[in-house]
Amino acid sequence: MNPAKKHNAITNALAAVYGQMFPGGKQEERILTTELYQLLGGRIQKKIVNQALCCALSSILLFSAKCKEQVLEIMNKRFQTELSLTEQDTIVQFAVAHNRMAALIIKE
């Protein structure tokens, strides 16, 4: 595959995944990040909150995590120094509650 076609294929694949994570686009991502930031008490940098939300959703939608414990295991490897286990659990619950596709996949 030539480099231009490969780049387009990757870009299209990433756009499709992003569309599953945030069907409402960047606006939905900003709104959900802000809601989650407030739910967590505003103690955590908004950038970290956004990264954690994306991590939770991608763990479910891309990496075949089928239960909350699997998502938490993935998240803890990435965020163990930035987020408590309680905060990680809150993020996973929020992600599942606000993404219809994730809610269909994840089993409590």
N, C-alpha and C. Protein backbone atom coordinates (compact mmCIF):
# COMPACT_ATOMS: atom_id res chain seq x y z
N MET A 1 0.86 -1.17 0.00
CA MET A 1 0.00 0.00 0.00
C MET A 1 0.90 1.23 0.00
N ASN A 2 0.58 2.17 -0.87
CA ASN A 2 1.42 3.37 -0.91
C ASN A 2 1.18 4.22 0.35
N PRO A 3 2.16 5.04 0.73
CA PRO A 3 2.08 5.80 1.98
C PRO A 3 0.85 6.70 2.10
N ALA A 4 0.44 7.33 1.01
CA ALA A 4 -0.73 8.22 1.06
C ALA A 4 -2.00 7.44 1.37
N LYS A 5 -2.17 6.29 0.71
CA LYS A 5 -3.36 5.46 0.95
C LYS A 5 -3.34 4.91 2.37
N LYS A 6 -2.16 4.52 2.84
CA LYS A 6 -2.03 3.99 4.19
C LYS A 6 -2.41 5.07 5.21
N HIS A 7 -1.92 6.29 4.98
CA HIS A 7 -2.24 7.41 5.87
C HIS A 7 -3.75 7.66 5.89
N ASN A 8 -4.39 7.65 4.72
CA ASN A 8 -5.83 7.86 4.64
C ASN A 8 -6.60 6.75 5.35
N ALA A 9 -6.14 5.52 5.21
CA ALA A 9 -6.80 4.39 5.87
C ALA A 9 -6.72 4.53 7.38
N ILE A 10 -5.55 4.92 7.88
CA ILE A 10 -5.38 5.11 9.32
C ILE A 10 -6.24 6.27 9.81
N THR A 11 -6.24 7.36 9.08
CA THR A 11 -7.04 8.53 9.44
C THR A 11 -8.52 8.17 9.48
N ASN A 12 -8.99 7.42 8.49
CA ASN A 12 -10.39 7.01 8.44
C ASN A 12 -10.74 6.07 9.59
N ALA A 13 -9.84 5.15 9.92
CA ALA A 13 -10.07 4.23 11.03
C ALA A 13 -10.16 4.98 12.36
N LEU A 14 -9.24 5.92 12.56
CA LEU A 14 -9.27 6.71 13.80
C LEU A 14 -10.54 7.55 13.89
N ALA A 15 -10.96 8.11 12.77
CA ALA A 15 -12.19 8.91 12.76
C ALA A 15 -13.40 8.05 13.10
N ALA A 16 -13.42 6.82 12.61
CA ALA A 16 -14.53 5.91 12.90
C ALA A 16 -14.58 5.57 14.39
N VAL A 17 -13.42 5.30 14.97
CA VAL A 17 -13.35 4.99 16.40
C VAL A 17 -13.78 6.20 17.22
N TYR A 18 -13.28 7.36 16.87
CA TYR A 18 -13.65 8.59 17.57
C TYR A 18 -15.16 8.81 17.50
N GLY A 19 -15.74 8.51 16.34
CA GLY A 19 -17.18 8.64 16.17
C GLY A 19 -17.96 7.71 17.07
N GLN A 20 -17.41 6.54 17.37
CA GLN A 20 -18.05 5.62 18.31
C GLN A 20 -17.91 6.12 19.75
N MET A 21 -16.75 6.69 20.05
CA MET A 21 -16.50 7.18 21.41
C MET A 21 -17.34 8.42 21.71
N PHE A 22 -17.41 9.31 20.73
CA PHE A 22 -18.12 10.59 20.90
C PHE A 22 -18.96 10.85 19.65
N PRO A 23 -20.15 10.24 19.57
CA PRO A 23 -20.99 10.41 18.38
C PRO A 23 -21.32 11.88 18.08
N GLY A 24 -21.31 12.72 19.09
CA GLY A 24 -21.59 14.15 18.90
C GLY A 24 -20.35 14.97 18.60
N GLY A 25 -19.23 14.29 18.35
CA GLY A 25 -18.00 14.97 17.97
C GLY A 25 -17.31 15.69 19.12
N LYS A 26 -16.50 16.68 18.74
CA LYS A 26 -15.69 17.43 19.72
C LYS A 26 -16.56 18.11 20.78
N GLN A 27 -17.72 18.59 20.37
CA GLN A 27 -18.61 19.25 21.33
C GLN A 27 -19.03 18.27 22.42
N GLU A 28 -19.42 17.06 22.04
CA GLU A 28 -19.80 16.05 23.02
C GLU A 28 -18.62 15.70 23.92
N GLU A 29 -17.44 15.57 23.33
CA GLU A 29 -16.25 15.26 24.12
C GLU A 29 -16.01 16.35 25.17
N ARG A 30 -16.11 17.61 24.78
CA ARG A 30 -15.91 18.72 25.72
C ARG A 30 -16.97 18.72 26.83
N ILE A 31 -18.21 18.51 26.44
CA ILE A 31 -19.31 18.51 27.42
C ILE A 31 -19.13 17.38 28.43
N LEU A 32 -18.87 16.18 27.93
CA LEU A 32 -18.70 15.04 28.83
C LEU A 32 -17.48 15.20 29.73
N THR A 33 -16.40 15.72 29.18
CA THR A 33 -15.20 15.94 29.99
C THR A 33 -15.49 16.94 31.10
N THR A 34 -16.20 18.01 30.78
CA THR A 34 -16.54 19.02 31.79
C THR A 34 -17.47 18.44 32.85
N GLU A 35 -18.47 17.67 32.44
CA GLU A 35 -19.38 17.04 33.41
C GLU A 35 -18.62 16.10 34.34
N LEU A 36 -17.74 15.30 33.76
CA LEU A 36 -16.96 14.35 34.56
C LEU A 36 -15.99 15.07 35.48
N TYR A 37 -15.37 16.11 34.99
CA TYR A 37 -14.47 16.94 35.79
C TYR A 37 -15.21 17.47 37.02
N GLN A 38 -16.42 17.95 36.82
CA GLN A 38 -17.22 18.48 37.92
C GLN A 38 -17.66 17.36 38.86
N LEU A 39 -18.03 16.21 38.30
CA LEU A 39 -18.43 15.06 39.12
C LEU A 39 -17.29 14.63 40.04
N LEU A 40 -16.07 14.74 39.55
CA LEU A 40 -14.89 14.36 40.34
C LEU A 40 -14.45 15.48 41.28
N GLY A 41 -15.21 16.54 41.34
CA GLY A 41 -14.94 17.61 42.29
C GLY A 41 -13.94 18.65 41.84
N GLY A 42 -13.56 18.63 40.56
CA GLY A 42 -12.62 19.63 40.04
C GLY A 42 -11.21 19.52 40.60
N ARG A 43 -10.89 18.38 41.21
CA ARG A 43 -9.57 18.20 41.83
C ARG A 43 -8.50 17.73 40.84
N ILE A 44 -8.94 17.19 39.74
CA ILE A 44 -8.02 16.58 38.77
C ILE A 44 -7.96 17.47 37.54
N GLN A 45 -6.77 17.60 36.95
CA GLN A 45 -6.64 18.41 35.74
C GLN A 45 -7.62 17.91 34.68
N LYS A 46 -8.25 18.85 34.01
CA LYS A 46 -9.24 18.50 32.98
C LYS A 46 -8.62 17.63 31.89
N LYS A 47 -7.36 17.87 31.56
CA LYS A 47 -6.66 17.07 30.55
C LYS A 47 -6.58 15.60 30.99
N ILE A 48 -6.29 15.36 32.26
CA ILE A 48 -6.22 14.00 32.78
C ILE A 48 -7.61 13.36 32.76
N VAL A 49 -8.62 14.13 33.12
CA VAL A 49 -10.00 13.63 33.09
C VAL A 49 -10.37 13.20 31.67
N ASN A 50 -10.03 14.03 30.69
CA ASN A 50 -10.31 13.71 29.29
C ASN A 50 -9.56 12.45 28.86
N GLN A 51 -8.28 12.36 29.21
CA GLN A 51 -7.49 11.18 28.85
C GLN A 51 -8.07 9.92 29.48
N ALA A 52 -8.51 10.03 30.72
CA ALA A 52 -9.07 8.87 31.41
C ALA A 52 -10.40 8.45 30.79
N LEU A 53 -11.23 9.42 30.42
CA LEU A 53 -12.49 9.12 29.76
C LEU A 53 -12.23 8.41 28.43
N CYS A 54 -11.30 8.94 27.66
CA CYS A 54 -10.94 8.31 26.38
C CYS A 54 -10.37 6.91 26.59
N CYS A 55 -9.57 6.74 27.63
CA CYS A 55 -8.99 5.43 27.95
C CYS A 55 -10.10 4.43 28.27
N ALA A 56 -11.05 4.84 29.10
CA ALA A 56 -12.15 3.95 29.47
C ALA A 56 -12.95 3.54 28.24
N LEU A 57 -13.32 4.52 27.42
CA LEU A 57 -14.11 4.21 26.23
C LEU A 57 -13.35 3.36 25.23
N SER A 58 -12.09 3.69 24.99
CA SER A 58 -11.32 2.90 24.02
C SER A 58 -11.06 1.50 24.54
N SER A 59 -10.91 1.33 25.86
CA SER A 59 -10.73 -0.01 26.42
C SER A 59 -11.93 -0.89 26.13
N ILE A 60 -13.10 -0.29 26.20
CA ILE A 60 -14.33 -1.04 25.94
C ILE A 60 -14.55 -1.24 24.45
N LEU A 61 -14.42 -0.18 23.67
CA LEU A 61 -14.77 -0.24 22.25
C LEU A 61 -13.69 -0.86 21.38
N LEU A 62 -12.43 -0.77 21.78
CA LEU A 62 -11.34 -1.27 20.94
C LEU A 62 -10.65 -2.51 21.49
N PHE A 63 -10.48 -2.55 22.80
CA PHE A 63 -9.62 -3.57 23.38
C PHE A 63 -10.38 -4.72 24.00
N SER A 64 -11.64 -4.84 23.70
CA SER A 64 -12.45 -5.98 24.10
C SER A 64 -12.59 -6.16 25.60
N ALA A 65 -12.47 -5.10 26.36
CA ALA A 65 -12.76 -5.20 27.79
C ALA A 65 -14.27 -5.38 27.92
N LYS A 66 -14.68 -6.46 28.53
CA LYS A 66 -16.10 -6.79 28.58
C LYS A 66 -16.72 -6.60 29.96
N CYS A 67 -15.89 -6.28 30.95
CA CYS A 67 -16.43 -6.03 32.28
C CYS A 67 -15.67 -4.87 32.91
N LYS A 68 -16.29 -4.29 33.92
CA LYS A 68 -15.70 -3.11 34.56
C LYS A 68 -14.31 -3.42 35.11
N GLU A 69 -14.10 -4.61 35.64
CA GLU A 69 -12.81 -4.97 36.22
C GLU A 69 -11.70 -4.93 35.17
N GLN A 70 -11.99 -5.39 33.96
CA GLN A 70 -10.99 -5.35 32.89
C GLN A 70 -10.64 -3.91 32.51
N VAL A 71 -11.64 -3.06 32.45
CA VAL A 71 -11.40 -1.65 32.12
C VAL A 71 -10.56 -1.01 33.23
N LEU A 72 -10.91 -1.30 34.47
CA LEU A 72 -10.16 -0.73 35.60
C LEU A 72 -8.71 -1.20 35.61
N GLU A 73 -8.48 -2.44 35.22
CA GLU A 73 -7.11 -2.95 35.15
C GLU A 73 -6.29 -2.16 34.13
N ILE A 74 -6.88 -1.93 32.97
CA ILE A 74 -6.21 -1.14 31.92
C ILE A 74 -5.98 0.29 32.40
N MET A 75 -7.00 0.88 32.99
CA MET A 75 -6.89 2.26 33.45
C MET A 75 -5.85 2.40 34.56
N ASN A 76 -5.82 1.45 35.47
CA ASN A 76 -4.89 1.56 36.59
C ASN A 76 -3.43 1.52 36.13
N LYS A 77 -3.17 0.75 35.08
CA LYS A 77 -1.80 0.73 34.53
C LYS A 77 -1.41 2.10 34.01
N ARG A 78 -2.34 2.83 33.47
CA ARG A 78 -2.06 4.14 32.87
C ARG A 78 -2.14 5.28 33.88
N PHE A 79 -3.07 5.19 34.83
CA PHE A 79 -3.37 6.34 35.69
C PHE A 79 -3.13 6.09 37.18
N GLN A 80 -2.38 5.06 37.53
CA GLN A 80 -2.25 4.71 38.95
C GLN A 80 -1.65 5.83 39.81
N THR A 81 -0.83 6.68 39.22
CA THR A 81 -0.24 7.77 40.02
C THR A 81 -1.08 9.04 39.98
N GLU A 82 -2.04 9.12 39.07
CA GLU A 82 -2.84 10.34 38.92
C GLU A 82 -4.26 10.22 39.45
N LEU A 83 -4.80 9.00 39.48
CA LEU A 83 -6.19 8.80 39.87
C LEU A 83 -6.30 7.68 40.89
N SER A 84 -7.12 7.88 41.89
CA SER A 84 -7.38 6.81 42.86
C SER A 84 -8.24 5.74 42.20
N LEU A 85 -8.31 4.58 42.82
CA LEU A 85 -9.17 3.52 42.28
C LEU A 85 -10.64 3.96 42.30
N THR A 86 -11.03 4.71 43.30
CA THR A 86 -12.40 5.21 43.36
C THR A 86 -12.68 6.17 42.21
N GLU A 87 -11.74 7.04 41.92
CA GLU A 87 -11.91 7.97 40.79
C GLU A 87 -11.96 7.21 39.47
N GLN A 88 -11.11 6.21 39.32
CA GLN A 88 -11.13 5.40 38.10
C GLN A 88 -12.48 4.70 37.94
N ASP A 89 -13.01 4.17 39.03
CA ASP A 89 -14.31 3.50 38.99
C ASP A 89 -15.41 4.49 38.59
N THR A 90 -15.36 5.68 39.13
CA THR A 90 -16.34 6.72 38.78
C THR A 90 -16.27 7.04 37.29
N ILE A 91 -15.07 7.12 36.76
CA ILE A 91 -14.87 7.43 35.34
C ILE A 91 -15.45 6.33 34.46
N VAL A 92 -15.19 5.07 34.82
CA VAL A 92 -15.72 3.95 34.03
C VAL A 92 -17.25 3.96 34.07
N GLN A 93 -17.82 4.13 35.24
CA GLN A 93 -19.29 4.18 35.34
C GLN A 93 -19.86 5.32 34.51
N PHE A 94 -19.22 6.47 34.55
CA PHE A 94 -19.65 7.63 33.76
C PHE A 94 -19.57 7.32 32.27
N ALA A 95 -18.46 6.73 31.84
CA ALA A 95 -18.26 6.41 30.42
C ALA A 95 -19.35 5.48 29.92
N VAL A 96 -19.65 4.45 30.69
CA VAL A 96 -20.67 3.48 30.29
C VAL A 96 -22.06 4.13 30.29
N ALA A 97 -22.32 4.97 31.27
CA ALA A 97 -23.64 5.62 31.36
C ALA A 97 -23.88 6.62 30.23
N HIS A 98 -22.80 7.15 29.64
CA HIS A 98 -22.94 8.20 28.63
C HIS A 98 -22.58 7.76 27.21
N ASN A 99 -22.36 6.46 27.01
CA ASN A 99 -22.06 5.97 25.67
C ASN A 99 -22.88 4.71 25.43
N ARG A 100 -23.84 4.81 24.53
CA ARG A 100 -24.77 3.72 24.29
C ARG A 100 -24.06 2.43 23.86
N MET A 101 -23.07 2.55 22.99
CA MET A 101 -22.36 1.37 22.51
C MET A 101 -21.58 0.70 23.65
N ALA A 102 -20.92 1.51 24.47
CA ALA A 102 -20.18 0.96 25.62
C ALA A 102 -21.13 0.26 26.58
N ALA A 103 -22.30 0.83 26.77
CA ALA A 103 -23.29 0.24 27.67
C ALA A 103 -23.77 -1.12 27.16
N LEU A 104 -23.80 -1.29 25.85
CA LEU A 104 -24.21 -2.58 25.29
C LEU A 104 -23.12 -3.64 25.45
N ILE A 105 -21.86 -3.22 25.48
CA ILE A 105 -20.73 -4.14 25.54
C ILE A 105 -20.39 -4.54 26.97
N ILE A 106 -20.33 -3.57 27.86
CA ILE A 106 -19.80 -3.81 29.20
C ILE A 106 -20.81 -4.56 30.06
N LYS A 107 -20.28 -5.45 30.87
CA LYS A 107 -21.10 -6.19 31.83
C LYS A 107 -20.58 -5.85 33.21
N GLU A 108 -21.46 -5.45 34.09
CA GLU A 108 -21.05 -5.08 35.46
C GLU A 108 -20.57 -6.29 36.22
